[in-house]
């Protein structure tokens, strides 16, 4: 496979991974908001005002790194192929 083809394939895979991850999060968020709303809990303001503690901040950072690795990983594969 030519280098340009590998780059194009990697970019396409990165976009697909990102869209897949975004949809999973959006779907779960919509379901969660509906479940809470049906239970009489309005979470919009609570989420907007939420301040994570150190443990939650570490969890968020780890999840961010994992997401970036999955979505941008194909670009790393190109570097390793050199």
Protein backbone atom coordinates (compact mmCIF):
# COMPACT_ATOMS: atom_id res chain seq x y z
CA UNK A 1 0.00 0.00 0.00
CA UNK A 2 1.35 3.43 -0.92
CA UNK A 3 2.11 5.96 1.81
CA UNK A 4 -0.72 8.26 0.68
CA UNK A 5 -3.16 5.34 0.78
CA UNK A 6 -2.03 4.50 4.31
CA UNK A 7 -2.51 8.10 5.40
CA UNK A 8 -5.96 8.26 3.84
CA UNK A 9 -6.98 4.97 5.46
CA UNK A 10 -5.65 6.14 8.82
CA UNK A 11 -7.52 9.43 8.57
CA UNK A 12 -10.72 7.61 7.62
CA UNK A 13 -10.31 5.23 10.57
CA UNK A 14 -9.70 8.18 12.91
CA UNK A 15 -12.90 9.88 11.74
CA UNK A 16 -14.93 6.67 12.09
CA UNK A 17 -13.53 6.02 15.58
CA UNK A 18 -14.38 9.57 16.65
CA UNK A 19 -17.91 9.42 15.28
CA UNK A 20 -18.46 6.02 16.91
CA UNK A 21 -17.28 7.28 20.30
CA UNK A 22 -19.33 10.47 19.98
CA UNK A 23 -22.49 8.53 19.16
CA UNK A 24 -22.02 6.17 22.10
CA UNK A 25 -21.70 9.11 24.48
CA UNK A 26 -24.60 11.03 22.94
CA UNK A 27 -26.87 7.98 23.03
CA UNK A 28 -26.05 7.21 26.65
CA UNK A 29 -26.47 10.85 27.65
CA UNK A 30 -29.90 11.04 26.02
CA UNK A 31 -31.00 7.82 27.75
CA UNK A 32 -29.63 8.95 31.11
CA UNK A 33 -31.32 12.34 30.88
CA UNK A 34 -34.63 10.65 30.01
CA UNK A 35 -34.36 8.14 32.86
CA UNK A 36 -33.62 10.92 35.33
CA UNK A 37 -36.35 13.15 33.93
CA UNK A 38 -38.89 10.32 34.17
CA UNK A 39 -37.82 9.97 37.81
CA UNK A 40 -38.40 13.68 38.43
CA UNK A 41 -34.75 14.70 38.48
CA UNK A 42 -33.70 17.72 36.40
CA UNK A 43 -29.95 17.38 36.03
CA UNK A 44 -29.12 20.17 33.56
CA UNK A 45 -28.20 22.78 36.18
CA UNK A 46 -26.48 20.23 38.40
CA UNK A 47 -24.26 19.11 35.51
CA UNK A 48 -23.51 22.70 34.50
CA UNK A 49 -22.42 23.57 38.04
CA UNK A 50 -20.61 20.32 38.90
CA UNK A 51 -17.06 20.69 40.22
CA UNK A 52 -15.17 17.37 40.18
CA UNK A 53 -12.98 16.37 43.09
CA UNK A 54 -9.42 15.10 42.61
CA UNK A 55 -10.50 11.48 42.13
CA UNK A 56 -13.09 12.41 39.50
CA UNK A 57 -10.59 14.69 37.77
CA UNK A 58 -8.16 11.76 37.53
CA UNK A 59 -10.92 9.56 36.10
CA UNK A 60 -11.81 12.22 33.53
CA UNK A 61 -8.15 12.60 32.54
CA UNK A 62 -7.74 8.83 32.13
CA UNK A 63 -10.91 8.60 30.04
CA UNK A 64 -9.72 11.50 27.87
CA UNK A 65 -6.37 9.80 27.25
CA UNK A 66 -8.13 6.54 26.36
CA UNK A 67 -10.47 8.33 23.93
CA UNK A 68 -7.58 10.16 22.27
CA UNK A 69 -5.62 6.93 21.95
CA UNK A 70 -8.55 5.22 20.26
CA UNK A 71 -9.48 8.09 17.96
CA UNK A 72 -5.96 9.21 17.06
CA UNK A 73 -4.26 5.82 17.30
CA UNK A 74 -4.28 5.22 13.54
CA UNK A 75 -1.97 8.23 13.12
CA UNK A 76 0.46 6.66 15.60
CA UNK A 77 0.40 3.48 13.53
CA UNK A 78 1.67 5.49 10.56
CA UNK A 79 4.68 6.70 12.57
CA UNK A 80 5.47 3.15 13.67
CA UNK A 81 5.32 1.89 10.08
CA UNK A 82 8.21 4.12 8.96
